[in-house]
C-alpha cells in the first residue's frame, strides 16, 4: 500500500469517528451537561463495559507509545495525540499519530546514508 493511500484511509476512518461522535454523542452530552454521566453510560452493561475499557486502555497504551517515541525516535508534536485521546477519542488520536509517525520516520529514512 502506498503512503498516500495509507494516509487517506487513516484520515477517512478518523473523520468517520469524528462525524459519529458529533452526531450521536456530543448533542446528548451537551444537552444534559452531565459529562461524568455521559462517561458512565459507557459502562451500563457488560458488553459496553468491555468496549469502553478496551478504548480507555488503548488510549493509555497510545499515550505510553507517544511518550516513549518522543525520546527514542525524537518524534515531535505527539503531545497532540495525547489531547486527542480525550477529545474526541482514541480513534482520532491514533489516526493522527500514525500519520505523524509515518511522516517523521520517512524523513529519518531519507536523511540516513544508504548502505552500498
PDB file of N, CA and C in Angstrom:
ATOM      1  N   UNK A   1       0.855  -1.166   0.000  1.00  0.00           N
ATOM      2  CA  UNK A   1       0.000   0.000   0.000  1.00  0.00           C
ATOM      3  C   UNK A   1       0.903   1.232   0.000  1.00  0.00           C
ATOM      4  N   UNK A   2       0.590   2.165  -0.846  1.00  0.00           N
ATOM      5  CA  UNK A   2       1.393   3.382  -0.911  1.00  0.00           C
ATOM      6  C   UNK A   2       1.095   4.283   0.277  1.00  0.00           C
ATOM      7  N   UNK A   3       2.032   5.174   0.557  1.00  0.00           N
ATOM      8  CA  UNK A   3       1.878   6.091   1.675  1.00  0.00           C
ATOM      9  C   UNK A   3       0.642   6.997   1.527  1.00  0.00           C
ATOM     10  N   UNK A   4       0.392   7.579   0.344  1.00  0.00           N
ATOM     11  CA  UNK A   4      -0.812   8.417   0.211  1.00  0.00           C
ATOM     12  C   UNK A   4      -2.117   7.637   0.424  1.00  0.00           C
ATOM     13  N   UNK A   5      -2.167   6.401  -0.048  1.00  0.00           N
ATOM     14  CA  UNK A   5      -3.372   5.587   0.154  1.00  0.00           C
ATOM     15  C   UNK A   5      -3.543   5.283   1.640  1.00  0.00           C
ATOM     16  N   UNK A   6      -2.437   4.912   2.302  1.00  0.00           N
ATOM     17  CA  UNK A   6      -2.474   4.646   3.739  1.00  0.00           C
ATOM     18  C   UNK A   6      -2.989   5.855   4.502  1.00  0.00           C
ATOM     19  N   UNK A   7      -2.423   7.027   4.224  1.00  0.00           N
ATOM     20  CA  UNK A   7      -2.837   8.243   4.922  1.00  0.00           C
ATOM     21  C   UNK A   7      -4.300   8.579   4.641  1.00  0.00           C
ATOM     22  N   UNK A   8      -4.749   8.373   3.411  1.00  0.00           N
ATOM     23  CA  UNK A   8      -6.143   8.662   3.067  1.00  0.00           C
ATOM     24  C   UNK A   8      -7.087   7.745   3.847  1.00  0.00           C
ATOM     25  N   UNK A   9      -6.738   6.476   3.937  1.00  0.00           N
ATOM     26  CA  UNK A   9      -7.583   5.530   4.678  1.00  0.00           C
ATOM     27  C   UNK A   9      -7.650   5.924   6.149  1.00  0.00           C
ATOM     28  N   UNK A  10      -6.510   6.270   6.730  1.00  0.00           N
ATOM     29  CA  UNK A  10      -6.457   6.661   8.137  1.00  0.00           C
ATOM     30  C   UNK A  10      -7.283   7.924   8.371  1.00  0.00           C
ATOM     31  N   UNK A  11      -7.156   8.898   7.497  1.00  0.00           N
ATOM     32  CA  UNK A  11      -7.916  10.139   7.636  1.00  0.00           C
ATOM     33  C   UNK A  11      -9.414   9.871   7.511  1.00  0.00           C
ATOM     34  N   UNK A  12      -9.799   9.020   6.578  1.00  0.00           N
ATOM     35  CA  UNK A  12     -11.222   8.705   6.392  1.00  0.00           C
ATOM     36  C   UNK A  12     -11.804   8.068   7.650  1.00  0.00           C
ATOM     37  N   UNK A  13     -11.111   7.074   8.220  1.00  0.00           N
ATOM     38  CA  UNK A  13     -11.639   6.425   9.416  1.00  0.00           C
ATOM     39  C   UNK A  13     -11.655   7.371  10.618  1.00  0.00           C
ATOM     40  N   UNK A  14     -10.645   8.223  10.733  1.00  0.00           N
ATOM     41  CA  UNK A  14     -10.655   9.223  11.800  1.00  0.00           C
ATOM     42  C   UNK A  14     -11.824  10.180  11.638  1.00  0.00           C
ATOM     43  N   UNK A  15     -12.092  10.589  10.397  1.00  0.00           N
ATOM     44  CA  UNK A  15     -13.201  11.502  10.123  1.00  0.00           C
ATOM     45  C   UNK A  15     -14.547  10.831  10.402  1.00  0.00           C
ATOM     46  N   UNK A  16     -14.658   9.543  10.077  1.00  0.00           N
ATOM     47  CA  UNK A  16     -15.901   8.815  10.370  1.00  0.00           C
ATOM     48  C   UNK A  16     -16.192   8.860  11.861  1.00  0.00           C
ATOM     49  N   UNK A  17     -15.148   8.645  12.680  1.00  0.00           N
ATOM     50  CA  UNK A  17     -15.372   8.695  14.125  1.00  0.00           C
ATOM     51  C   UNK A  17     -15.794  10.096  14.570  1.00  0.00           C
ATOM     52  N   UNK A  18     -15.128  11.119  14.062  1.00  0.00           N
ATOM     53  CA  UNK A  18     -15.470  12.496  14.453  1.00  0.00           C
ATOM     54  C   UNK A  18     -16.922  12.801  14.089  1.00  0.00           C
ATOM     55  N   UNK A  19     -17.342  12.400  12.904  1.00  0.00           N
ATOM     56  CA  UNK A  19     -18.727  12.643  12.481  1.00  0.00           C
ATOM     57  C   UNK A  19     -19.694  11.890  13.389  1.00  0.00           C
ATOM     58  N   UNK A  20     -19.415  10.616  13.641  1.00  0.00           N
ATOM     59  CA  UNK A  20     -20.276   9.826  14.523  1.00  0.00           C
ATOM     60  C   UNK A  20     -20.362  10.467  15.904  1.00  0.00           C
ATOM     61  N   UNK A  21     -19.205  10.870  16.436  1.00  0.00           N
ATOM     62  CA  UNK A  21     -19.152  11.499  17.757  1.00  0.00           C
ATOM     63  C   UNK A  21     -19.979  12.783  17.770  1.00  0.00           C
ATOM     64  N   UNK A  22     -19.814  13.607  16.732  1.00  0.00           N
ATOM     65  CA  UNK A  22     -20.515  14.889  16.671  1.00  0.00           C
ATOM     66  C   UNK A  22     -22.024  14.723  16.534  1.00  0.00           C
ATOM     67  N   UNK A  23     -22.458  13.666  15.847  1.00  0.00           N
ATOM     68  CA  UNK A  23     -23.884  13.476  15.598  1.00  0.00           C
ATOM     69  C   UNK A  23     -24.579  12.732  16.737  1.00  0.00           C
ATOM     70  N   UNK A  24     -23.922  11.692  17.268  1.00  0.00           N
ATOM     71  CA  UNK A  24     -24.608  10.821  18.222  1.00  0.00           C
ATOM     72  C   UNK A  24     -24.213  11.021  19.685  1.00  0.00           C
ATOM     73  N   UNK A  25     -23.010  11.457  19.954  1.00  0.00           N
ATOM     74  CA  UNK A  25     -22.533  11.525  21.341  1.00  0.00           C
ATOM     75  C   UNK A  25     -22.584  12.947  21.896  1.00  0.00           C
ATOM     76  N   UNK A  26     -22.057  13.894  21.156  1.00  0.00           N
ATOM     77  CA  UNK A  26     -21.944  15.264  21.670  1.00  0.00           C
ATOM     78  C   UNK A  26     -23.286  15.916  22.006  1.00  0.00           C
ATOM     79  N   UNK A  27     -24.302  15.847  21.129  1.00  0.00           N
ATOM     80  CA  UNK A  27     -25.552  16.552  21.454  1.00  0.00           C
ATOM     81  C   UNK A  27     -26.185  16.126  22.780  1.00  0.00           C
ATOM     82  N   UNK A  28     -26.347  14.816  23.052  1.00  0.00           N
ATOM     83  CA  UNK A  28     -26.942  14.476  24.348  1.00  0.00           C
ATOM     84  C   UNK A  28     -26.048  14.854  25.527  1.00  0.00           C
ATOM     85  N   UNK A  29     -24.738  14.778  25.339  1.00  0.00           N
ATOM     86  CA  UNK A  29     -23.829  15.136  26.429  1.00  0.00           C
ATOM     87  C   UNK A  29     -23.927  16.631  26.744  1.00  0.00           C
ATOM     88  N   UNK A  30     -23.989  17.457  25.710  1.00  0.00           N
ATOM     89  CA  UNK A  30     -24.102  18.898  25.934  1.00  0.00           C
ATOM     90  C   UNK A  30     -25.486  19.271  26.456  1.00  0.00           C
ATOM     91  N   UNK A  31     -26.504  18.570  25.978  1.00  0.00           N
ATOM     92  CA  UNK A  31     -27.871  18.865  26.411  1.00  0.00           C
ATOM     93  C   UNK A  31     -28.047  18.607  27.904  1.00  0.00           C
ATOM     94  N   UNK A  32     -27.524  17.467  28.356  1.00  0.00           N
ATOM     95  CA  UNK A  32     -27.667  17.134  29.775  1.00  0.00           C
ATOM     96  C   UNK A  32     -26.670  17.903  30.632  1.00  0.00           C
ATOM     97  N   UNK A  33     -25.518  18.229  30.057  1.00  0.00           N
ATOM     98  CA  UNK A  33     -24.476  18.907  30.825  1.00  0.00           C
ATOM     99  C   UNK A  33     -23.756  17.999  31.799  1.00  0.00           C
ATOM    100  N   UNK A  34     -24.089  16.728  31.781  1.00  0.00           N
ATOM    101  CA  UNK A  34     -23.504  15.757  32.712  1.00  0.00           C
ATOM    102  C   UNK A  34     -22.424  14.938  32.003  1.00  0.00           C
ATOM    103  N   UNK A  35     -21.213  15.462  31.984  1.00  0.00           N
ATOM    104  CA  UNK A  35     -20.108  14.793  31.302  1.00  0.00           C
ATOM    105  C   UNK A  35     -19.737  13.498  32.022  1.00  0.00           C
ATOM    106  N   UNK A  36     -19.776  13.496  33.343  1.00  0.00           N
ATOM    107  CA  UNK A  36     -19.474  12.273  34.113  1.00  0.00           C
ATOM    108  C   UNK A  36     -20.519  11.204  33.817  1.00  0.00           C
ATOM    109  N   UNK A  37     -21.775  11.606  33.747  1.00  0.00           N
ATOM    110  CA  UNK A  37     -22.845  10.672  33.413  1.00  0.00           C
ATOM    111  C   UNK A  37     -22.697  10.117  32.005  1.00  0.00           C
ATOM    112  N   UNK A  38     -22.249  10.963  31.083  1.00  0.00           N
ATOM    113  CA  UNK A  38     -22.014  10.510  29.706  1.00  0.00           C
ATOM    114  C   UNK A  38     -20.900   9.473  29.679  1.00  0.00           C
ATOM    115  N   UNK A  39     -19.850   9.707  30.457  1.00  0.00           N
ATOM    116  CA  UNK A  39     -18.760   8.741  30.551  1.00  0.00           C
ATOM    117  C   UNK A  39     -19.256   7.435  31.179  1.00  0.00           C
ATOM    118  N   UNK A  40     -20.016   7.542  32.249  1.00  0.00           N
ATOM    119  CA  UNK A  40     -20.522   6.360  32.951  1.00  0.00           C
ATOM    120  C   UNK A  40     -21.487   5.557  32.092  1.00  0.00           C
ATOM    121  N   UNK A  41     -22.148   6.200  31.149  1.00  0.00           N
ATOM    122  CA  UNK A  41     -23.089   5.497  30.274  1.00  0.00           C
ATOM    123  C   UNK A  41     -22.395   4.452  29.415  1.00  0.00           C
ATOM    124  N   UNK A  42     -21.100   4.579  29.251  1.00  0.00           N
ATOM    125  CA  UNK A  42     -20.341   3.580  28.507  1.00  0.00           C
ATOM    126  C   UNK A  42     -20.189   2.273  29.259  1.00  0.00           C
ATOM    127  N   UNK A  43     -20.631   2.239  30.508  1.00  0.00           N
ATOM    128  CA  UNK A  43     -20.480   1.055  31.348  1.00  0.00           C
ATOM    129  C   UNK A  43     -21.827   0.523  31.846  1.00  0.00           C
ATOM    130  N   UNK A  44     -22.880   0.690  31.048  1.00  0.00           N
ATOM    131  CA  UNK A  44     -24.220   0.315  31.506  1.00  0.00           C
ATOM    132  C   UNK A  44     -24.475  -1.186  31.470  1.00  0.00           C
ATOM    133  N   UNK A  45     -23.710  -1.925  30.701  1.00  0.00           N
ATOM    134  CA  UNK A  45     -23.866  -3.376  30.665  1.00  0.00           C
ATOM    135  C   UNK A  45     -22.502  -4.025  30.397  1.00  0.00           C
ATOM    136  N   UNK A  46     -22.382  -5.326  30.539  1.00  0.00           N
ATOM    137  CA  UNK A  46     -21.071  -5.968  30.370  1.00  0.00           C
ATOM    138  C   UNK A  46     -20.469  -5.758  28.986  1.00  0.00           C
ATOM    139  N   UNK A  47     -21.285  -5.685  27.959  1.00  0.00           N
ATOM    140  CA  UNK A  47     -20.765  -5.536  26.602  1.00  0.00           C
ATOM    141  C   UNK A  47     -20.201  -4.138  26.375  1.00  0.00           C
ATOM    142  N   UNK A  48     -20.974  -3.137  26.752  1.00  0.00           N
ATOM    143  CA  UNK A  48     -20.469  -1.768  26.584  1.00  0.00           C
ATOM    144  C   UNK A  48     -19.283  -1.526  27.508  1.00  0.00           C
ATOM    145  N   UNK A  49     -19.271  -2.163  28.673  1.00  0.00           N
ATOM    146  CA  UNK A  49     -18.131  -2.032  29.589  1.00  0.00           C
ATOM    147  C   UNK A  49     -16.863  -2.577  28.947  1.00  0.00           C
ATOM    148  N   UNK A  50     -16.988  -3.706  28.270  1.00  0.00           N
ATOM    149  CA  UNK A  50     -15.828  -4.293  27.596  1.00  0.00           C
ATOM    150  C   UNK A  50     -15.291  -3.385  26.504  1.00  0.00           C
ATOM    151  N   UNK A  51     -16.185  -2.838  25.676  1.00  0.00           N
ATOM    152  CA  UNK A  51     -15.757  -1.934  24.610  1.00  0.00           C
ATOM    153  C   UNK A  51     -15.171  -0.639  25.182  1.00  0.00           C
ATOM    154  N   UNK A  52     -15.794  -0.116  26.220  1.00  0.00           N
ATOM    155  CA  UNK A  52     -15.293   1.120  26.829  1.00  0.00           C
ATOM    156  C   UNK A  52     -13.923   0.914  27.447  1.00  0.00           C
ATOM    157  N   UNK A  53     -13.766  -0.179  28.183  1.00  0.00           N
ATOM    158  CA  UNK A  53     -12.468  -0.448  28.798  1.00  0.00           C
ATOM    159  C   UNK A  53     -11.398  -0.678  27.741  1.00  0.00           C
ATOM    160  N   UNK A  54     -11.759  -1.335  26.648  1.00  0.00           N
ATOM    161  CA  UNK A  54     -10.816  -1.538  25.549  1.00  0.00           C
ATOM    162  C   UNK A  54     -10.335  -0.196  24.998  1.00  0.00           C
ATOM    163  N   UNK A  55     -11.256   0.725  24.758  1.00  0.00           N
ATOM    164  CA  UNK A  55     -10.891   2.030  24.218  1.00  0.00           C
ATOM    165  C   UNK A  55     -10.049   2.827  25.215  1.00  0.00           C
ATOM    166  N   UNK A  56     -10.406   2.772  26.488  1.00  0.00           N
ATOM    167  CA  UNK A  56      -9.666   3.517  27.511  1.00  0.00           C
ATOM    168  C   UNK A  56      -8.236   2.986  27.627  1.00  0.00           C
ATOM    169  N   UNK A  57      -8.093   1.685  27.712  1.00  0.00           N
ATOM    170  CA  UNK A  57      -6.747   1.107  27.834  1.00  0.00           C
ATOM    171  C   UNK A  57      -5.935   1.296  26.557  1.00  0.00           C
ATOM    172  N   UNK A  58      -6.583   1.249  25.411  1.00  0.00           N
ATOM    173  CA  UNK A  58      -5.889   1.536  24.154  1.00  0.00           C
ATOM    174  C   UNK A  58      -5.365   2.966  24.165  1.00  0.00           C
ATOM    175  N   UNK A  59      -6.145   3.877  24.703  1.00  0.00           N
ATOM    176  CA  UNK A  59      -5.682   5.264  24.825  1.00  0.00           C
ATOM    177  C   UNK A  59      -4.460   5.381  25.713  1.00  0.00           C
ATOM    178  N   UNK A  60      -4.456   4.677  26.832  1.00  0.00           N
ATOM    179  CA  UNK A  60      -3.283   4.724  27.714  1.00  0.00           C
ATOM    180  C   UNK A  60      -2.062   4.084  27.062  1.00  0.00           C
ATOM    181  N   UNK A  61      -2.274   3.018  26.309  1.00  0.00           N
ATOM    182  CA  UNK A  61      -1.161   2.391  25.584  1.00  0.00           C
ATOM    183  C   UNK A  61      -0.614   3.348  24.532  1.00  0.00           C
ATOM    184  N   UNK A  62      -1.506   4.038  23.823  1.00  0.00           N
ATOM    185  CA  UNK A  62      -1.069   5.023  22.836  1.00  0.00           C
ATOM    186  C   UNK A  62      -0.281   6.146  23.495  1.00  0.00           C
ATOM    187  N   UNK A  63      -0.750   6.618  24.642  1.00  0.00           N
ATOM    188  CA  UNK A  63      -0.025   7.676  25.355  1.00  0.00           C
ATOM    189  C   UNK A  63       1.373   7.207  25.742  1.00  0.00           C
ATOM    190  N   UNK A  64       1.492   5.981  26.248  1.00  0.00           N
ATOM    191  CA  UNK A  64       2.809   5.442  26.602  1.00  0.00           C
ATOM    192  C   UNK A  64       3.699   5.352  25.364  1.00  0.00           C
ATOM    193  N   UNK A  65       3.150   4.939  24.240  1.00  0.00           N
ATOM    194  CA  UNK A  65       3.908   4.827  22.995  1.00  0.00           C
ATOM    195  C   UNK A  65       4.387   6.192  22.521  1.00  0.00           C
ATOM    196  N   UNK A  66       3.501   7.186  22.572  1.00  0.00           N
ATOM    197  CA  UNK A  66       3.856   8.549  22.158  1.00  0.00           C
ATOM    198  C   UNK A  66       4.997   9.074  23.021  1.00  0.00           C
ATOM    199  N   UNK A  67       4.883   8.910  24.333  1.00  0.00           N
ATOM    200  CA  UNK A  67       5.926   9.404  25.237  1.00  0.00           C
ATOM    201  C   UNK A  67       7.245   8.667  25.030  1.00  0.00           C
ATOM    202  N   UNK A  68       7.165   7.367  24.784  1.00  0.00           N
ATOM    203  CA  UNK A  68       8.385   6.587  24.523  1.00  0.00           C
ATOM    204  C   UNK A  68       9.064   7.044  23.233  1.00  0.00           C
ATOM    205  N   UNK A  69       8.286   7.192  22.174  1.00  0.00           N
ATOM    206  CA  UNK A  69       8.890   7.556  20.889  1.00  0.00           C
ATOM    207  C   UNK A  69       9.367   8.996  20.838  1.00  0.00           C
ATOM    208  N   UNK A  70       8.867   9.816  21.731  1.00  0.00           N
ATOM    209  CA  UNK A  70       9.395  11.183  21.802  1.00  0.00           C
ATOM    210  C   UNK A  70      10.877  11.137  22.143  1.00  0.00           C
ATOM    211  N   UNK A  71      11.238  10.270  23.070  1.00  0.00           N
ATOM    212  CA  UNK A  71      12.645  10.148  23.456  1.00  0.00           C
ATOM    213  C   UNK A  71      13.417   9.207  22.540  1.00  0.00           C
ATOM    214  N   UNK A  72      12.835   8.065  22.218  1.00  0.00           N
ATOM    215  CA  UNK A  72      13.550   7.044  21.458  1.00  0.00           C
ATOM    216  C   UNK A  72      13.768   7.433  19.997  1.00  0.00           C
ATOM    217  N   UNK A  73      12.788   8.091  19.389  1.00  0.00           N
ATOM    218  CA  UNK A  73      12.879   8.416  17.964  1.00  0.00           C
ATOM    219  C   UNK A  73      12.847   9.915  17.677  1.00  0.00           C
ATOM    220  N   UNK A  74      12.639  10.713  18.703  1.00  0.00           N
ATOM    221  CA  UNK A  74      12.610  12.162  18.511  1.00  0.00           C
ATOM    222  C   UNK A  74      11.394  12.641  17.727  1.00  0.00           C
ATOM    223  N   UNK A  75      10.280  11.925  17.825  1.00  0.00           N
ATOM    224  CA  UNK A  75       9.069  12.333  17.104  1.00  0.00           C
ATOM    225  C   UNK A  75       8.417  13.493  17.855  1.00  0.00           C
ATOM    226  N   UNK A  76       8.270  14.589  17.146  1.00  0.00           N
ATOM    227  CA  UNK A  76       7.744  15.804  17.746  1.00  0.00           C
ATOM    228  C   UNK A  76       6.244  15.927  17.510  1.00  0.00           C
ATOM    229  N   UNK A  77       5.604  16.704  18.325  1.00  0.00           N
ATOM    230  CA  UNK A  77       4.170  17.026  18.239  1.00  0.00           C
ATOM    231  C   UNK A  77       3.259  15.834  18.549  1.00  0.00           C
ATOM    232  N   UNK A  78       3.810  14.802  19.166  1.00  0.00           N
ATOM    233  CA  UNK A  78       2.985  13.673  19.590  1.00  0.00           C
ATOM    234  C   UNK A  78       2.036  14.051  20.713  1.00  0.00           C
ATOM    235  N   UNK A  79       2.357  15.102  21.436  1.00  0.00           N
ATOM    236  CA  UNK A  79       1.506  15.545  22.536  1.00  0.00           C
ATOM    237  C   UNK A  79       0.092  15.863  22.055  1.00  0.00           C
ATOM    238  N   UNK A  80      -0.041  16.224  20.781  1.00  0.00           N
ATOM    239  CA  UNK A  80      -1.373  16.493  20.241  1.00  0.00           C
ATOM    240  C   UNK A  80      -2.221  15.216  20.294  1.00  0.00           C
ATOM    241  N   UNK A  81      -1.597  14.068  20.022  1.00  0.00           N
ATOM    242  CA  UNK A  81      -2.318  12.788  20.083  1.00  0.00           C
ATOM    243  C   UNK A  81      -2.804  12.504  21.501  1.00  0.00           C
ATOM    244  N   UNK A  82      -2.031  12.916  22.486  1.00  0.00           N
ATOM    245  CA  UNK A  82      -2.448  12.699  23.880  1.00  0.00           C
ATOM    246  C   UNK A  82      -3.727  13.487  24.171  1.00  0.00           C
ATOM    247  N   UNK A  83      -3.798  14.713  23.712  1.00  0.00           N
ATOM    248  CA  UNK A  83      -5.012  15.512  23.899  1.00  0.00           C
ATOM    249  C   UNK A  83      -6.177  14.900  23.131  1.00  0.00           C
ATOM    250  N   UNK A  84      -5.905  14.447  21.912  1.00  0.00           N
ATOM    251  CA  UNK A  84      -6.964  13.856  21.090  1.00  0.00           C
ATOM    252  C   UNK A  84      -7.517  12.560  21.680  1.00  0.00           C
ATOM    253  N   UNK A  85      -6.735  11.889  22.519  1.00  0.00           N
ATOM    254  CA  UNK A  85      -7.243  10.673  23.185  1.00  0.00           C
ATOM    255  C   UNK A  85      -8.482  10.989  24.021  1.00  0.00           C
ATOM    256  N   UNK A  86      -8.518  12.184  24.587  1.00  0.00           N
ATOM    257  CA  UNK A  86      -9.616  12.555  25.470  1.00  0.00           C
ATOM    258  C   UNK A  86     -10.759  13.228  24.729  1.00  0.00           C
ATOM    259  N   UNK A  87     -10.444  14.047  23.739  1.00  0.00           N
ATOM    260  CA  UNK A  87     -11.471  14.698  22.926  1.00  0.00           C
ATOM    261  C   UNK A  87     -10.939  14.775  21.505  1.00  0.00           C
ATOM    262  N   UNK A  88     -11.521  14.171  20.538  1.00  0.00           N
ATOM    263  CA  UNK A  88     -12.750  13.399  20.571  1.00  0.00           C
ATOM    264  C   UNK A  88     -12.578  11.943  20.973  1.00  0.00           C
ATOM    265  N   UNK A  89     -11.398  11.339  20.769  1.00  0.00           N
ATOM    266  CA  UNK A  89     -11.247   9.950  21.184  1.00  0.00           C
ATOM    267  C   UNK A  89     -10.003   9.289  20.623  1.00  0.00           C
ATOM    268  N   UNK A  90      -9.799   8.068  21.030  1.00  0.00           N
ATOM    269  CA  UNK A  90      -8.596   7.306  20.686  1.00  0.00           C
ATOM    270  C   UNK A  90      -8.506   7.060  19.180  1.00  0.00           C
ATOM    271  N   UNK A  91      -9.623   6.866  18.495  1.00  0.00           N
ATOM    272  CA  UNK A  91      -9.589   6.614  17.055  1.00  0.00           C
ATOM    273  C   UNK A  91      -8.920   7.777  16.324  1.00  0.00           C
ATOM    274  N   UNK A  92      -9.275   8.991  16.667  1.00  0.00           N
ATOM    275  CA  UNK A  92      -8.686  10.164  16.030  1.00  0.00           C
ATOM    276  C   UNK A  92      -7.234  10.338  16.471  1.00  0.00           C
ATOM    277  N   UNK A  93      -6.965  10.102  17.748  1.00  0.00           N
ATOM    278  CA  UNK A  93      -5.593  10.221  18.258  1.00  0.00           C
ATOM    279  C   UNK A  93      -4.664   9.240  17.557  1.00  0.00           C
ATOM    280  N   UNK A  94      -5.106   8.006  17.403  1.00  0.00           N
ATOM    281  CA  UNK A  94      -4.279   7.001  16.738  1.00  0.00           C
ATOM    282  C   UNK A  94      -4.087   7.347  15.266  1.00  0.00           C
ATOM    283  N   UNK A  95      -5.132   7.787  14.596  1.00  0.00           N
ATOM    284  CA  UNK A  95      -5.011   8.186  13.192  1.00  0.00           C
ATOM    285  C   UNK A  95      -4.001   9.322  13.050  1.00  0.00           C
ATOM    286  N   UNK A  96      -4.115  10.319  13.898  1.00  0.00           N
ATOM    287  CA  UNK A  96      -3.169  11.446  13.866  1.00  0.00           C
ATOM    288  C   UNK A  96      -1.737  10.963  14.092  1.00  0.00           C
ATOM    289  N   UNK A  97      -1.557  10.137  15.128  1.00  0.00           N
ATOM    290  CA  UNK A  97      -0.197   9.723  15.468  1.00  0.00           C
ATOM    291  C   UNK A  97       0.404   8.820  14.391  1.00  0.00           C
ATOM    292  N   UNK A  98      -0.395   7.960  13.788  1.00  0.00           N
ATOM    293  CA  UNK A  98       0.134   7.111  12.720  1.00  0.00           C
ATOM    294  C   UNK A  98       0.616   7.947  11.541  1.00  0.00           C
ATOM    295  N   UNK A  99      -0.146   8.954  11.165  1.00  0.00           N
ATOM    296  CA  UNK A  99       0.282   9.825  10.068  1.00  0.00           C
ATOM    297  C   UNK A  99       1.518  10.615  10.476  1.00  0.00           C
ATOM    298  N   UNK A 100       1.518  11.162  11.685  1.00  0.00           N
ATOM    299  CA  UNK A 100       2.674  11.909  12.182  1.00  0.00           C
ATOM    300  C   UNK A 100       3.916  11.029  12.195  1.00  0.00           C
ATOM    301  N   UNK A 101       3.785   9.827  12.694  1.00  0.00           N
ATOM    302  CA  UNK A 101       4.915   8.898  12.800  1.00  0.00           C
ATOM    303  C   UNK A 101       5.398   8.458  11.425  1.00  0.00           C
ATOM    304  N   UNK A 102       4.477   8.187  10.519  1.00  0.00           N
ATOM    305  CA  UNK A 102       4.855   7.782   9.167  1.00  0.00           C
ATOM    306  C   UNK A 102       5.653   8.881   8.480  1.00  0.00           C
ATOM    307  N   UNK A 103       5.204  10.094   8.624  1.00  0.00           N
ATOM    308  CA  UNK A 103       5.928  11.217   8.003  1.00  0.00           C
ATOM    309  C   UNK A 103       7.285  11.440   8.665  1.00  0.00           C
ATOM    310  N   UNK A 104       7.335  11.319   9.987  1.00  0.00           N
ATOM    311  CA  UNK A 104       8.603  11.527  10.699  1.00  0.00           C
ATOM    312  C   UNK A 104       9.611  10.433  10.370  1.00  0.00           C
ATOM    313  N   UNK A 105       9.175   9.201  10.307  1.00  0.00           N
ATOM    314  CA  UNK A 105      10.112   8.120  10.003  1.00  0.00           C
ATOM    315  C   UNK A 105      10.513   8.136   8.540  1.00  0.00           C
ATOM    316  N   UNK A 106       9.664   8.652   7.643  1.00  0.00           N
ATOM    317  CA  UNK A 106      10.047   8.800   6.240  1.00  0.00           C
ATOM    318  C   UNK A 106      11.186   9.797   6.111  1.00  0.00           C
ATOM    319  N   UNK A 107      11.100  10.874   6.869  1.00  0.00           N
ATOM    320  CA  UNK A 107      12.159  11.887   6.849  1.00  0.00           C
ATOM    321  C   UNK A 107      13.450  11.300   7.407  1.00  0.00           C
ATOM    322  N   UNK A 108      13.346  10.524   8.485  1.00  0.00           N
ATOM    323  CA  UNK A 108      14.536   9.915   9.076  1.00  0.00           C
ATOM    324  C   UNK A 108      15.199   8.954   8.109  1.00  0.00           C
ATOM    325  N   UNK A 109      14.433   8.177   7.361  1.00  0.00           N
ATOM    326  CA  UNK A 109      14.997   7.224   6.418  1.00  0.00           C
ATOM    327  C   UNK A 109      15.703   7.920   5.276  1.00  0.00           C
ATOM    328  N   UNK A 110      15.161   9.036   4.801  1.00  0.00           N
ATOM    329  CA  UNK A 110      15.797   9.743   3.692  1.00  0.00           C
ATOM    330  C   UNK A 110      17.041  10.489   4.145  1.00  0.00           C
ATOM    331  N   UNK A 111      17.134  10.805   5.447  1.00  0.00           N
ATOM    332  CA  UNK A 111      18.314  11.501   5.972  1.00  0.00           C
ATOM    333  C   UNK A 111      19.473  10.556   6.235  1.00  0.00           C
ATOM    334  N   UNK A 112      19.179   9.278   6.415  1.00  0.00           N
ATOM    335  CA  UNK A 112      20.233   8.319   6.746  1.00  0.00           C
ATOM    336  C   UNK A 112      21.007   7.931   5.491  1.00  0.00           C
ATOM    337  N   UNK A 113      22.324   7.757   5.630  1.00  0.00           N
ATOM    338  CA  UNK A 113      23.105   7.318   4.466  1.00  0.00           C
ATOM    339  C   UNK A 113      22.712   5.896   4.078  1.00  0.00           C
ATOM    340  N   UNK A 114      22.672   5.648   2.790  1.00  0.00           N
ATOM    341  CA  UNK A 114      22.306   4.326   2.289  1.00  0.00           C
ATOM    342  C   UNK A 114      23.524   3.413   2.277  1.00  0.00           C
ATOM    343  N   UNK A 115      23.300   2.145   2.587  1.00  0.00           N
ATOM    344  CA  UNK A 115      24.381   1.148   2.539  1.00  0.00           C
ATOM    345  C   UNK A 115      24.654   0.796   1.080  1.00  0.00           C
ATOM    346  N   UNK A 116      25.943   0.608   0.741  1.00  0.00           N
ATOM    347  CA  UNK A 116      26.257   0.259  -0.665  1.00  0.00           C
ATOM    348  C   UNK A 116      25.855  -1.147  -1.006  1.00  0.00           C
TER     349      UNK A 116
END
